[in-house]
Amino acid sequence: MAITKILPPMSRFSQDNAREVKKQAVLDRLRAFFERFFGLLSDE
């Protein structure tokens, strides 16, 4: 649910499912970011 706070405003009722596609793209980018930088914090 917290992911919806950082998504751009989009219609939840669009026919092309653009909101779900955008949500998945944001999740993929966040996952890549955390995988990239998480090791910097845990190797102290």
C-alpha atoms as a PDB file:
ATOM      1  CA  MET A   1       0.000   0.000   0.000  1.00  0.00           C
ATOM      2  CA  ALA A   2       2.860   2.406   0.722  1.00  0.00           C
ATOM      3  CA  ILE A   3       4.043   2.110  -2.886  1.00  0.00           C
ATOM      4  CA  THR A   4       0.943   3.986  -4.052  1.00  0.00           C
ATOM      5  CA  LYS A   5       2.151   7.099  -2.232  1.00  0.00           C
ATOM      6  CA  ILE A   6       5.155   7.463  -4.533  1.00  0.00           C
ATOM      7  CA  LEU A   7       3.365   6.616  -7.780  1.00  0.00           C
ATOM      8  CA  PRO A   8       2.346   9.467 -10.058  1.00  0.00           C
ATOM      9  CA  PRO A   9      -1.388  10.202 -10.129  1.00  0.00           C
ATOM     10  CA  MET A  10      -3.051   7.774 -12.532  1.00  0.00           C
ATOM     11  CA  SER A  11      -6.530   6.411 -13.063  1.00  0.00           C
ATOM     12  CA  ARG A  12      -7.167   3.075 -11.377  1.00  0.00           C
ATOM     13  CA  PHE A  13      -9.829   2.235 -13.926  1.00  0.00           C
ATOM     14  CA  SER A  14      -7.935   2.549 -17.204  1.00  0.00           C
ATOM     15  CA  GLN A  15      -8.526  -0.143 -19.802  1.00  0.00           C
ATOM     16  CA  ASP A  16      -4.839  -0.634 -20.671  1.00  0.00           C
ATOM     17  CA  ASN A  17      -3.757  -1.423 -17.074  1.00  0.00           C
ATOM     18  CA  ALA A  18      -1.195   1.406 -17.196  1.00  0.00           C
ATOM     19  CA  ARG A  19      -1.257   1.870 -13.432  1.00  0.00           C
ATOM     20  CA  GLU A  20      -0.221  -1.731 -12.766  1.00  0.00           C
ATOM     21  CA  VAL A  21       2.521  -1.532 -15.395  1.00  0.00           C
ATOM     22  CA  LYS A  22       3.875   1.679 -13.843  1.00  0.00           C
ATOM     23  CA  LYS A  23       3.656   0.190 -10.354  1.00  0.00           C
ATOM     24  CA  GLN A  24       5.685  -2.843 -11.438  1.00  0.00           C
ATOM     25  CA  ALA A  25       8.300  -0.607 -13.102  1.00  0.00           C
ATOM     26  CA  VAL A  26       8.680   1.433  -9.906  1.00  0.00           C
ATOM     27  CA  LEU A  27       9.001  -1.736  -7.828  1.00  0.00           C
ATOM     28  CA  ASP A  28      11.665  -3.084 -10.189  1.00  0.00           C
ATOM     29  CA  ARG A  29      13.663   0.149  -9.953  1.00  0.00           C
ATOM     30  CA  LEU A  30      13.416   0.237  -6.164  1.00  0.00           C
ATOM     31  CA  ARG A  31      14.500  -3.397  -5.942  1.00  0.00           C
ATOM     32  CA  ALA A  32      17.514  -2.724  -8.188  1.00  0.00           C
ATOM     33  CA  PHE A  33      18.451   0.328  -6.105  1.00  0.00           C
ATOM     34  CA  PHE A  34      18.324  -1.565  -2.820  1.00  0.00           C
ATOM     35  CA  GLU A  35      20.210  -4.555  -4.224  1.00  0.00           C
ATOM     36  CA  ARG A  36      22.926  -2.213  -5.483  1.00  0.00           C
ATOM     37  CA  PHE A  37      23.417  -0.210  -2.291  1.00  0.00           C
ATOM     38  CA  PHE A  38      22.376  -2.573   0.509  1.00  0.00           C
ATOM     39  CA  GLY A  39      25.787  -4.232   0.518  1.00  0.00           C
ATOM     40  CA  LEU A  40      27.447  -0.917   1.349  1.00  0.00           C
ATOM     41  CA  LEU A  41      25.579  -0.695   4.641  1.00  0.00           C
ATOM     42  CA  SER A  42      25.862  -4.295   5.793  1.00  0.00           C
ATOM     43  CA  ASP A  43      29.642  -4.687   5.216  1.00  0.00           C
ATOM     44  CA  GLU A  44      30.718  -2.146   7.829  1.00  0.00           C
END
